[in-house]
N, C-alpha and C. Protein backbone atom coordinates (compact mmCIF):
# COMPACT_ATOMS: atom_id res chain seq x y z
N MET A 1 -19.06 113.24 -87.64
CA MET A 1 -18.51 113.34 -86.65
C MET A 1 -19.73 113.70 -85.58
N ARG A 2 -20.94 114.23 -86.01
CA ARG A 2 -22.08 114.36 -85.28
C ARG A 2 -22.76 112.78 -84.53
N ASN A 3 -22.78 111.72 -85.52
CA ASN A 3 -23.07 110.79 -85.12
C ASN A 3 -21.88 110.17 -84.17
N PHE A 4 -20.61 110.21 -84.03
CA PHE A 4 -19.84 109.98 -83.17
C PHE A 4 -19.98 110.57 -81.90
N LEU A 5 -20.22 111.75 -81.74
CA LEU A 5 -20.32 112.71 -80.73
C LEU A 5 -21.71 112.21 -80.07
N LYS A 6 -22.79 111.76 -80.75
CA LYS A 6 -23.68 111.31 -80.10
C LYS A 6 -23.54 110.32 -79.52
N GLY A 7 -23.00 109.12 -80.19
CA GLY A 7 -22.54 107.91 -79.62
C GLY A 7 -21.62 107.88 -78.49
N LYS A 8 -21.18 109.17 -78.33
CA LYS A 8 -20.11 109.09 -76.95
C LYS A 8 -21.04 109.98 -76.13
N LYS A 9 -22.10 110.60 -76.33
CA LYS A 9 -23.20 111.15 -75.48
C LYS A 9 -22.69 112.58 -75.15
N MET A 10 -21.71 113.12 -76.30
CA MET A 10 -21.41 114.46 -76.05
C MET A 10 -21.89 115.42 -77.08
N TRP A 11 -22.86 115.04 -77.79
CA TRP A 11 -23.37 116.24 -78.64
C TRP A 11 -23.75 117.31 -78.00
N GLY A 12 -24.23 117.34 -76.75
CA GLY A 12 -24.64 118.48 -75.96
C GLY A 12 -23.87 119.36 -75.59
N TYR A 13 -22.25 119.19 -75.79
CA TYR A 13 -21.19 120.19 -75.80
C TYR A 13 -21.16 121.11 -76.95
N VAL A 14 -21.73 120.41 -78.17
CA VAL A 14 -21.83 121.30 -79.35
C VAL A 14 -23.01 122.09 -79.64
N ASN A 15 -24.32 121.42 -79.27
CA ASN A 15 -25.52 122.32 -79.06
C ASN A 15 -25.70 123.08 -77.76
N GLU A 16 -24.83 123.11 -76.76
CA GLU A 16 -24.82 123.91 -75.76
C GLU A 16 -25.95 123.23 -74.68
N THR A 17 -26.20 122.02 -74.71
CA THR A 17 -27.14 121.46 -73.91
C THR A 17 -26.39 121.27 -72.60
N TYR A 18 -25.10 120.72 -72.58
CA TYR A 18 -24.05 120.98 -71.44
C TYR A 18 -23.10 122.25 -71.68
N MET A 19 -23.36 122.98 -70.69
CA MET A 19 -22.66 124.19 -70.83
C MET A 19 -21.65 124.11 -69.44
N ILE A 20 -20.68 124.94 -69.16
CA ILE A 20 -19.74 124.84 -68.22
C ILE A 20 -20.55 125.71 -67.23
N PRO A 21 -20.43 124.99 -65.68
CA PRO A 21 -21.30 125.50 -64.94
C PRO A 21 -20.59 126.87 -64.59
N LYS A 22 -21.50 127.87 -64.13
CA LYS A 22 -21.30 129.32 -63.75
C LYS A 22 -20.79 129.47 -62.27
N ASN A 23 -21.64 128.55 -61.48
CA ASN A 23 -21.01 128.78 -59.94
C ASN A 23 -19.93 128.03 -59.61
N ILE A 24 -19.23 128.78 -58.94
CA ILE A 24 -17.82 127.90 -58.34
C ILE A 24 -17.86 127.74 -56.98
N GLU A 25 -18.55 126.70 -56.75
CA GLU A 25 -18.49 126.22 -55.33
C GLU A 25 -17.64 124.96 -55.13
N GLU A 26 -17.78 124.44 -54.06
CA GLU A 26 -17.05 123.23 -53.93
C GLU A 26 -17.44 122.16 -54.65
N GLY A 27 -18.50 121.80 -54.70
CA GLY A 27 -19.13 120.69 -55.34
C GLY A 27 -19.00 120.90 -57.19
N ASP A 28 -18.61 122.06 -57.66
CA ASP A 28 -18.77 122.34 -58.93
C ASP A 28 -17.31 122.34 -59.49
N VAL A 29 -16.53 122.44 -58.69
CA VAL A 29 -14.91 122.16 -59.12
C VAL A 29 -14.94 120.74 -60.11
N VAL A 30 -15.64 119.80 -59.46
CA VAL A 30 -15.69 118.55 -60.21
C VAL A 30 -16.30 118.54 -61.50
N LEU A 31 -17.28 119.28 -61.28
CA LEU A 31 -18.63 119.23 -62.69
C LEU A 31 -17.44 120.35 -63.78
N ILE A 32 -16.72 121.43 -63.29
CA ILE A 32 -16.12 122.23 -64.28
C ILE A 32 -14.89 121.17 -65.00
N ASP A 33 -14.24 120.54 -64.08
CA ASP A 33 -13.02 119.79 -64.45
C ASP A 33 -13.61 118.71 -65.61
N THR A 34 -14.70 118.09 -65.28
CA THR A 34 -15.34 117.08 -66.28
C THR A 34 -15.74 117.82 -67.60
N TRP A 35 -16.51 118.90 -67.40
CA TRP A 35 -16.85 119.78 -68.38
C TRP A 35 -15.45 120.28 -69.23
N GLU A 36 -14.47 120.59 -68.65
CA GLU A 36 -13.31 121.22 -69.48
C GLU A 36 -12.61 119.95 -70.25
N ALA A 37 -12.45 118.74 -69.69
CA ALA A 37 -12.00 117.37 -70.09
C ALA A 37 -12.54 117.05 -71.20
N ASN A 38 -14.11 117.35 -71.19
CA ASN A 38 -14.78 116.55 -72.40
C ASN A 38 -14.60 117.67 -73.44
N ASN A 39 -14.66 118.93 -73.13
CA ASN A 39 -14.61 119.75 -74.28
C ASN A 39 -13.27 119.62 -74.97
N ALA A 40 -12.16 119.55 -74.10
CA ALA A 40 -11.03 119.35 -74.66
C ALA A 40 -10.94 118.14 -75.66
N LYS A 41 -11.52 117.03 -75.14
CA LYS A 41 -11.51 115.77 -76.04
C LYS A 41 -12.13 116.07 -77.18
N ILE A 42 -13.41 116.75 -77.30
CA ILE A 42 -14.07 116.80 -78.21
C ILE A 42 -13.30 117.69 -79.32
N ILE A 43 -12.91 118.58 -79.06
CA ILE A 43 -11.92 119.66 -79.77
C ILE A 43 -10.66 119.07 -80.22
N THR A 44 -10.09 117.95 -79.63
CA THR A 44 -9.09 117.29 -80.19
C THR A 44 -9.42 116.27 -81.36
N TRP A 45 -10.54 115.61 -81.07
CA TRP A 45 -11.05 114.52 -81.96
C TRP A 45 -11.42 115.65 -83.29
N ILE A 46 -11.99 116.60 -83.15
CA ILE A 46 -12.25 117.36 -84.46
C ILE A 46 -11.15 117.94 -85.32
N ASN A 47 -10.15 118.18 -84.23
CA ASN A 47 -8.55 118.49 -84.89
C ASN A 47 -8.10 117.58 -85.61
N ASN A 48 -8.07 116.39 -85.12
CA ASN A 48 -7.64 115.07 -85.69
C ASN A 48 -8.48 114.56 -87.08
N SER A 49 -9.62 115.18 -87.10
CA SER A 49 -10.70 114.74 -88.30
C SER A 49 -10.58 115.81 -89.28
N VAL A 50 -9.82 116.74 -89.29
CA VAL A 50 -9.97 117.85 -90.40
C VAL A 50 -8.55 117.94 -90.89
N GLU A 51 -8.09 118.56 -92.02
CA GLU A 51 -6.77 118.72 -92.65
C GLU A 51 -6.12 119.83 -91.50
N HIS A 52 -4.89 119.71 -91.58
CA HIS A 52 -4.15 120.51 -90.83
C HIS A 52 -4.00 121.66 -90.79
N SER A 53 -4.28 122.40 -92.08
CA SER A 53 -4.76 123.87 -92.30
C SER A 53 -5.71 124.26 -91.82
N ILE A 54 -6.74 123.47 -91.71
CA ILE A 54 -8.01 123.96 -90.87
C ILE A 54 -7.89 123.61 -89.48
N GLY A 55 -7.23 122.56 -89.20
CA GLY A 55 -6.95 122.42 -87.49
C GLY A 55 -6.34 123.64 -86.99
N THR A 56 -5.37 124.16 -87.56
CA THR A 56 -4.65 125.45 -87.20
C THR A 56 -5.30 126.48 -86.83
N GLN A 57 -6.71 126.82 -87.67
CA GLN A 57 -7.52 127.65 -87.57
C GLN A 57 -8.48 127.63 -86.24
N LEU A 58 -8.45 126.45 -85.82
CA LEU A 58 -9.34 126.00 -84.47
C LEU A 58 -8.91 126.20 -83.38
N ALA A 59 -7.30 126.41 -83.31
CA ALA A 59 -6.94 127.01 -82.13
C ALA A 59 -6.98 127.92 -81.26
N LYS A 60 -7.68 128.94 -81.89
CA LYS A 60 -7.95 130.01 -81.26
C LYS A 60 -9.57 130.00 -80.44
N TYR A 61 -10.21 129.01 -80.50
CA TYR A 61 -11.63 128.61 -80.03
C TYR A 61 -11.49 127.83 -78.74
N GLU A 62 -12.16 128.26 -77.83
CA GLU A 62 -12.23 127.58 -76.45
C GLU A 62 -12.96 126.36 -76.23
N THR A 63 -14.31 126.61 -76.94
CA THR A 63 -15.40 125.76 -76.77
C THR A 63 -15.62 124.89 -77.90
N THR A 64 -16.16 123.90 -77.52
CA THR A 64 -16.71 122.81 -78.72
C THR A 64 -17.66 123.64 -79.94
N LYS A 65 -18.64 124.40 -79.13
CA LYS A 65 -19.55 125.16 -79.92
C LYS A 65 -18.90 126.27 -80.61
N GLU A 66 -17.88 126.90 -80.29
CA GLU A 66 -17.25 127.67 -81.23
C GLU A 66 -16.51 127.12 -82.28
N VAL A 67 -15.78 126.20 -81.98
CA VAL A 67 -15.27 125.20 -83.21
C VAL A 67 -16.15 124.57 -84.14
N TRP A 68 -17.37 124.12 -83.68
CA TRP A 68 -18.46 123.66 -84.69
C TRP A 68 -19.09 124.79 -85.32
N ASP A 69 -19.28 126.06 -84.84
CA ASP A 69 -19.90 127.10 -85.59
C ASP A 69 -18.72 127.65 -86.68
N HIS A 70 -17.41 127.77 -86.37
CA HIS A 70 -16.58 128.06 -87.36
C HIS A 70 -16.57 127.14 -88.38
N LEU A 71 -16.46 125.69 -88.14
CA LEU A 71 -16.26 124.89 -89.45
C LEU A 71 -17.63 124.76 -90.05
N GLN A 72 -18.88 125.19 -89.50
CA GLN A 72 -20.13 125.12 -90.17
C GLN A 72 -19.95 126.45 -91.01
N MET A 73 -19.77 127.62 -90.69
CA MET A 73 -19.56 128.78 -91.26
C MET A 73 -18.45 128.48 -92.75
N LEU A 74 -17.35 127.73 -92.37
CA LEU A 74 -16.29 127.68 -93.47
C LEU A 74 -16.92 126.75 -94.47
N PHE A 75 -17.62 125.69 -93.84
CA PHE A 75 -17.91 124.51 -95.11
C PHE A 75 -19.32 125.09 -95.67
N THR A 76 -20.11 125.86 -95.01
CA THR A 76 -21.24 126.38 -95.72
C THR A 76 -20.76 127.13 -96.92
N GLN A 77 -19.81 127.83 -96.91
CA GLN A 77 -19.25 128.81 -97.97
C GLN A 77 -18.72 127.97 -99.16
N SER A 78 -18.11 127.05 -98.59
CA SER A 78 -17.30 125.98 -99.81
C SER A 78 -18.41 125.23 -100.21
N ASN A 79 -19.66 124.98 -99.67
CA ASN A 79 -20.63 124.21 -100.16
C ASN A 79 -21.16 124.62 -101.56
N PHE A 80 -21.14 125.78 -102.01
CA PHE A 80 -21.44 125.98 -103.29
C PHE A 80 -20.48 125.39 -104.37
N ALA A 81 -19.34 125.36 -104.08
CA ALA A 81 -18.15 124.70 -105.23
C ALA A 81 -18.52 123.67 -105.13
N LYS A 82 -18.81 122.76 -103.92
CA LYS A 82 -19.07 121.37 -103.84
C LYS A 82 -20.32 120.99 -104.33
N GLN A 83 -21.41 121.70 -104.21
CA GLN A 83 -22.67 121.55 -104.86
C GLN A 83 -22.44 121.52 -106.29
N TYR A 84 -21.86 122.30 -106.87
CA TYR A 84 -21.71 122.60 -108.41
C TYR A 84 -20.89 121.48 -108.82
N GLN A 85 -19.95 120.69 -108.39
CA GLN A 85 -18.95 119.74 -108.73
C GLN A 85 -19.77 118.33 -108.61
N LEU A 86 -20.81 118.30 -107.69
CA LEU A 86 -21.59 117.15 -107.60
C LEU A 86 -22.32 117.02 -108.47
N GLU A 87 -23.38 118.02 -108.76
CA GLU A 87 -24.34 118.47 -110.05
C GLU A 87 -23.51 117.95 -111.43
N ASN A 88 -22.18 118.27 -111.32
CA ASN A 88 -21.87 118.09 -112.82
C ASN A 88 -21.18 116.61 -112.88
N ASP A 89 -20.94 115.97 -111.57
CA ASP A 89 -20.51 114.71 -111.74
C ASP A 89 -21.87 113.88 -111.92
N ILE A 90 -23.03 114.12 -111.36
CA ILE A 90 -24.22 113.64 -111.74
C ILE A 90 -24.60 113.61 -113.00
N ARG A 91 -24.57 114.68 -113.73
CA ARG A 91 -24.70 114.87 -115.17
C ARG A 91 -23.78 113.97 -115.90
N ALA A 92 -22.56 114.01 -115.76
CA ALA A 92 -21.63 113.34 -116.31
C ALA A 92 -21.59 111.87 -116.53
N LEU A 93 -22.20 111.40 -115.39
CA LEU A 93 -22.30 109.94 -115.03
C LEU A 93 -22.90 109.21 -116.08
N HIS A 94 -22.68 108.06 -116.69
CA HIS A 94 -23.11 107.29 -117.30
C HIS A 94 -22.71 105.70 -116.96
N GLN A 95 -23.81 104.85 -117.12
CA GLN A 95 -23.46 103.58 -116.86
C GLN A 95 -22.34 102.90 -117.55
N LYS A 96 -22.08 103.02 -118.71
CA LYS A 96 -21.14 102.55 -119.57
C LYS A 96 -20.93 101.07 -119.14
N ASN A 97 -19.90 100.53 -118.55
CA ASN A 97 -19.39 99.17 -118.56
C ASN A 97 -19.91 98.75 -116.86
N MET A 98 -20.33 99.83 -116.12
CA MET A 98 -20.80 99.10 -114.94
C MET A 98 -21.99 98.28 -114.90
N SER A 99 -22.07 97.48 -113.61
CA SER A 99 -23.27 96.70 -113.48
C SER A 99 -24.42 98.00 -113.08
N ILE A 100 -25.81 97.27 -112.98
CA ILE A 100 -27.04 98.23 -112.63
C ILE A 100 -26.47 98.43 -111.23
N LEU A 101 -26.41 97.54 -110.52
CA LEU A 101 -25.84 97.92 -108.85
C LEU A 101 -24.70 98.72 -108.49
N GLU A 102 -23.64 98.60 -109.56
CA GLU A 102 -22.74 99.31 -109.36
C GLU A 102 -23.08 101.03 -109.52
N PHE A 103 -23.61 100.97 -110.70
CA PHE A 103 -24.17 102.68 -111.36
C PHE A 103 -24.89 102.95 -110.21
N TYR A 104 -25.84 102.18 -109.75
CA TYR A 104 -26.74 102.87 -108.92
C TYR A 104 -26.14 103.35 -107.48
N SER A 105 -25.17 102.46 -107.13
CA SER A 105 -24.46 102.90 -105.70
C SER A 105 -23.58 104.12 -106.08
N VAL A 106 -23.00 104.33 -107.22
CA VAL A 106 -22.19 105.48 -107.56
C VAL A 106 -23.15 106.78 -107.51
N MET A 107 -24.42 106.43 -108.27
CA MET A 107 -25.24 107.53 -108.37
C MET A 107 -25.98 108.08 -106.94
N THR A 108 -26.23 107.01 -106.18
CA THR A 108 -27.10 107.10 -104.86
C THR A 108 -25.64 108.09 -103.93
N ASP A 109 -24.40 107.70 -104.01
CA ASP A 109 -23.45 108.12 -103.20
C ASP A 109 -23.20 109.69 -103.78
N LEU A 110 -23.52 110.00 -104.91
CA LEU A 110 -23.59 111.48 -105.37
C LEU A 110 -24.59 112.19 -104.89
N TRP A 111 -25.78 111.40 -104.98
CA TRP A 111 -27.11 112.24 -104.50
C TRP A 111 -26.97 112.27 -102.95
N ASP A 112 -26.33 111.39 -102.35
CA ASP A 112 -26.32 111.36 -100.66
C ASP A 112 -25.54 112.66 -100.38
N GLN A 113 -24.38 112.93 -100.95
CA GLN A 113 -23.33 114.10 -100.74
C GLN A 113 -23.96 115.15 -101.22
N LEU A 114 -24.77 115.22 -102.07
CA LEU A 114 -25.62 116.64 -102.30
C LEU A 114 -26.55 116.81 -101.30
N ALA A 115 -27.29 115.65 -100.82
CA ALA A 115 -28.46 116.15 -99.93
C ALA A 115 -27.74 116.47 -98.59
N LEU A 116 -26.54 116.08 -98.31
CA LEU A 116 -25.95 116.43 -97.08
C LEU A 116 -25.62 118.05 -97.15
N ILE A 117 -25.60 118.77 -97.92
CA ILE A 117 -25.32 120.22 -98.13
C ILE A 117 -26.46 120.82 -98.44
N GLU A 118 -27.53 120.28 -98.59
CA GLU A 118 -28.83 121.04 -98.63
C GLU A 118 -29.05 121.81 -97.20
N SER A 119 -29.86 122.86 -97.29
CA SER A 119 -30.35 123.57 -95.89
C SER A 119 -31.23 122.82 -95.35
N ALA A 120 -31.36 123.12 -94.24
CA ALA A 120 -32.58 122.75 -93.39
C ALA A 120 -33.71 122.95 -94.00
N GLU A 121 -34.02 123.97 -94.36
CA GLU A 121 -35.10 124.62 -94.88
C GLU A 121 -35.66 123.73 -96.05
N LEU A 122 -34.86 123.52 -96.92
CA LEU A 122 -35.21 122.59 -98.12
C LEU A 122 -35.48 121.31 -97.58
N LYS A 123 -34.73 120.71 -96.61
CA LYS A 123 -35.00 119.46 -96.17
C LYS A 123 -36.32 119.18 -95.68
N ALA A 124 -36.76 120.11 -94.81
CA ALA A 124 -38.38 120.38 -94.23
C ALA A 124 -39.40 120.64 -95.12
N CYS A 125 -39.25 121.05 -96.46
CA CYS A 125 -40.05 121.26 -97.66
C CYS A 125 -40.33 119.90 -98.26
N GLY A 126 -41.69 119.65 -97.99
CA GLY A 126 -42.06 118.28 -98.74
C GLY A 126 -42.28 118.14 -100.32
N ALA A 127 -42.35 119.50 -100.78
CA ALA A 127 -42.79 119.44 -102.19
C ALA A 127 -41.27 119.65 -102.78
N TYR A 128 -40.27 120.17 -102.15
CA TYR A 128 -38.85 120.05 -102.67
C TYR A 128 -38.44 118.62 -102.77
N ILE A 129 -38.48 117.95 -101.40
CA ILE A 129 -38.31 116.51 -101.51
C ILE A 129 -38.77 115.46 -102.59
N LYS A 130 -40.28 115.95 -102.93
CA LYS A 130 -40.99 115.21 -104.04
C LYS A 130 -40.29 115.41 -105.32
N ARG A 131 -40.03 116.88 -105.54
CA ARG A 131 -39.34 117.09 -106.84
C ARG A 131 -37.89 116.79 -106.69
N ARG A 132 -37.21 116.47 -105.87
CA ARG A 132 -35.92 115.92 -105.73
C ARG A 132 -35.84 114.44 -106.30
N LYS A 133 -36.89 113.68 -105.55
CA LYS A 133 -36.99 112.29 -105.95
C LYS A 133 -37.40 112.16 -107.55
N GLN A 134 -38.17 113.05 -108.02
CA GLN A 134 -38.45 113.03 -109.58
C GLN A 134 -37.32 113.22 -110.26
N GLN A 135 -36.36 114.24 -109.80
CA GLN A 135 -35.31 114.76 -110.39
C GLN A 135 -34.27 113.81 -110.62
N ARG A 136 -33.82 112.89 -109.53
CA ARG A 136 -33.16 111.66 -109.43
C ARG A 136 -33.73 110.57 -110.35
N LEU A 137 -34.71 110.39 -110.68
CA LEU A 137 -35.39 109.03 -111.26
C LEU A 137 -35.05 109.54 -112.67
N VAL A 138 -35.10 110.67 -113.10
CA VAL A 138 -35.06 111.27 -114.56
C VAL A 138 -33.47 111.17 -114.78
N GLN A 139 -32.85 111.48 -113.80
CA GLN A 139 -31.10 111.71 -113.97
C GLN A 139 -30.85 110.09 -113.98
N GLN A 140 -31.48 109.37 -113.25
CA GLN A 140 -30.90 107.87 -113.25
C GLN A 140 -31.33 107.17 -114.55
N HIS A 141 -32.41 107.46 -115.06
CA HIS A 141 -33.04 106.76 -116.39
C HIS A 141 -32.24 107.39 -117.42
N PHE A 142 -32.04 108.60 -117.63
CA PHE A 142 -31.31 109.12 -118.47
C PHE A 142 -29.60 108.61 -118.63
N ALA A 143 -29.24 108.63 -117.58
CA ALA A 143 -27.62 108.08 -117.55
C ALA A 143 -27.56 106.68 -117.99
N VAL A 144 -28.37 106.01 -117.82
CA VAL A 144 -28.35 104.63 -117.95
C VAL A 144 -28.17 104.32 -119.56
N ILE A 145 -28.96 105.32 -120.20
CA ILE A 145 -28.82 105.17 -121.79
C ILE A 145 -27.49 105.60 -122.11
N SER A 146 -26.98 104.61 -122.98
CA SER A 146 -25.64 105.03 -123.57
C SER A 146 -25.53 106.36 -124.53
N LYS A 147 -24.48 106.75 -124.61
CA LYS A 147 -24.35 107.49 -125.55
C LYS A 147 -24.71 107.40 -126.84
N ASP A 148 -24.08 106.25 -127.45
CA ASP A 148 -24.48 105.99 -128.67
C ASP A 148 -25.98 105.67 -128.81
N LEU A 149 -26.80 105.32 -127.96
CA LEU A 149 -28.28 105.32 -128.09
C LEU A 149 -28.71 106.66 -127.95
N LYS A 150 -28.25 107.70 -127.27
CA LYS A 150 -28.82 108.71 -127.31
C LYS A 150 -28.53 109.55 -128.85
N VAL A 151 -27.48 108.96 -129.36
CA VAL A 151 -27.22 109.60 -130.75
C VAL A 151 -28.24 109.06 -131.62
N GLN A 152 -28.32 107.91 -131.57
CA GLN A 152 -29.37 106.93 -132.34
C GLN A 152 -30.53 107.59 -132.36
N PHE A 153 -31.04 107.73 -131.07
CA PHE A 153 -32.31 108.26 -130.96
C PHE A 153 -32.63 109.83 -131.43
N CYS A 154 -31.59 110.61 -131.40
CA CYS A 154 -31.68 111.58 -132.05
C CYS A 154 -31.82 111.74 -133.59
N ILE A 155 -30.88 110.95 -134.07
CA ILE A 155 -31.06 110.58 -135.83
C ILE A 155 -32.28 109.95 -135.95
N ILE A 156 -32.92 109.00 -135.13
CA ILE A 156 -34.37 108.50 -135.55
C ILE A 156 -35.18 109.57 -135.41
N LEU A 157 -35.37 110.68 -134.49
CA LEU A 157 -36.28 111.71 -134.35
C LEU A 157 -36.04 112.81 -135.49
N HIS A 158 -34.62 113.22 -135.69
CA HIS A 158 -34.43 113.94 -137.11
C HIS A 158 -34.84 113.29 -138.35
N CYS A 159 -34.71 112.33 -138.40
CA CYS A 159 -35.43 111.53 -139.72
C CYS A 159 -36.86 111.41 -139.72
N LEU A 160 -37.43 111.13 -138.29
CA LEU A 160 -38.81 111.24 -138.51
C LEU A 160 -39.48 112.57 -138.77
N LEU A 161 -38.89 113.49 -138.10
CA LEU A 161 -39.11 114.92 -138.39
C LEU A 161 -39.02 115.38 -139.74
N LEU A 162 -38.03 114.77 -140.59
CA LEU A 162 -37.77 115.26 -141.79
C LEU A 162 -38.72 114.52 -142.76
N THR A 163 -38.93 113.34 -142.37
CA THR A 163 -39.96 112.50 -143.03
C THR A 163 -41.38 113.26 -142.87
N LEU A 164 -41.88 113.61 -141.77
CA LEU A 164 -43.25 114.48 -141.60
C LEU A 164 -43.22 115.60 -142.52
N LEU A 165 -42.19 116.29 -142.16
CA LEU A 165 -41.83 117.60 -143.19
C LEU A 165 -42.03 117.35 -144.61
N SER A 166 -41.52 116.39 -145.14
CA SER A 166 -41.41 115.76 -146.53
C SER A 166 -42.74 115.45 -146.80
N VAL A 167 -43.42 114.72 -146.03
CA VAL A 167 -44.86 114.17 -146.42
C VAL A 167 -45.81 115.42 -146.40
N SER A 168 -45.64 116.44 -145.29
CA SER A 168 -46.32 117.67 -145.47
C SER A 168 -45.75 118.36 -146.41
N TYR A 169 -44.71 118.54 -146.99
CA TYR A 169 -44.23 119.28 -148.44
C TYR A 169 -45.20 118.73 -149.54
N TRP A 170 -45.15 117.30 -149.60
CA TRP A 170 -45.43 116.44 -150.80
C TRP A 170 -47.36 116.73 -150.85
N LEU A 171 -47.57 116.60 -149.51
CA LEU A 171 -48.94 116.65 -149.32
C LEU A 171 -49.71 118.04 -149.99
N LYS A 172 -49.00 119.04 -149.64
CA LYS A 172 -49.27 120.51 -149.73
C LYS A 172 -49.39 120.46 -151.30
N LYS A 173 -47.97 120.22 -151.88
CA LYS A 173 -47.90 120.24 -153.32
C LYS A 173 -49.03 119.51 -154.03
N TYR A 174 -49.36 118.12 -153.76
CA TYR A 174 -50.61 117.46 -154.17
C TYR A 174 -51.73 118.36 -154.17
N VAL A 175 -52.09 118.52 -152.90
CA VAL A 175 -53.28 119.43 -152.86
C VAL A 175 -53.63 120.38 -153.66
N PHE A 176 -52.40 121.34 -153.65
CA PHE A 176 -52.02 122.37 -154.59
C PHE A 176 -52.47 122.14 -155.95
N SER A 177 -51.59 120.95 -156.38
CA SER A 177 -51.92 120.59 -157.85
C SER A 177 -53.25 120.30 -158.02
N LEU A 178 -54.17 119.49 -157.23
CA LEU A 178 -55.23 119.22 -157.51
C LEU A 178 -56.33 120.35 -157.40
N ILE A 179 -56.04 121.47 -156.56
CA ILE A 179 -56.61 122.74 -156.62
C ILE A 179 -56.43 123.19 -158.05
N LEU A 180 -55.25 123.40 -158.51
CA LEU A 180 -54.97 123.95 -159.80
C LEU A 180 -55.58 123.43 -160.93
N LYS A 181 -55.59 121.90 -161.05
CA LYS A 181 -56.15 121.14 -161.85
C LYS A 181 -57.70 121.53 -161.89
N ARG A 182 -58.32 121.76 -160.70
CA ARG A 182 -59.73 121.82 -160.71
C ARG A 182 -60.15 123.14 -161.26
N LYS A 183 -59.28 124.02 -160.83
CA LYS A 183 -59.52 125.46 -161.47
C LYS A 183 -59.21 125.63 -163.05
N PHE A 184 -58.31 124.78 -163.34
CA PHE A 184 -58.16 124.79 -164.90
C PHE A 184 -59.32 124.02 -165.47
N PHE A 185 -59.91 122.79 -165.05
CA PHE A 185 -60.67 122.50 -165.50
C PHE A 185 -62.02 123.03 -165.39
N LEU A 186 -62.23 124.02 -164.35
CA LEU A 186 -63.43 124.85 -164.31
C LEU A 186 -63.27 126.02 -165.40
N LEU A 187 -62.10 126.38 -165.72
CA LEU A 187 -61.72 127.52 -166.46
C LEU A 187 -62.10 126.91 -168.08
N GLN A 188 -61.77 125.62 -168.17
CA GLN A 188 -61.75 124.87 -169.67
C GLN A 188 -63.31 125.15 -169.90
N ILE A 189 -64.09 124.57 -168.61
CA ILE A 189 -65.75 124.48 -169.02
C ILE A 189 -66.20 125.72 -169.25
N LEU A 190 -65.88 126.40 -168.41
CA LEU A 190 -66.37 128.14 -168.72
C LEU A 190 -66.02 128.64 -170.06
N LEU A 191 -64.88 128.46 -170.54
CA LEU A 191 -64.35 128.61 -172.09
C LEU A 191 -65.46 128.28 -173.12
N TYR A 192 -65.88 126.71 -172.94
CA TYR A 192 -66.50 125.82 -173.84
C TYR A 192 -67.67 126.30 -173.67
């Protein structure tokens, strides 16, 4: 909606660059009429782009700024649920039968939706942006690996660990037996 309003050169009604003229003089009547007509158009466009249940809540507001602030407050509160859902979707996404291009497109779409609900403070923080890029790279590479490969990888690691433990056990046993043999040998020499 923001881009649409900017394209129509009406974003100023939302950020209050264009405010209703306060002085009612003869020349200002046209300005007031123009402001009210544009304000009403924007509210109508917003109403037509939201669900009916949300649109009925907007009827009590008279200015575009009030409508926008209400929607911003409403959707900021529901963003926590949306963020949770998007993060779960990202974690659950696997390439499976998708091509690399299809998979990357789906993953990018989820990332972009998640980025849209980030606060302005986070978007301005360079360290956060760098960390987010690293996290996306890890998510992407991990999601490309099929579930079967993950299981096989875990089995291989488990086998490797068991092998190392087994080697360690037998090595300790061998060294201990050598020590015992040596002590036994030394004992035999002392006794003779």
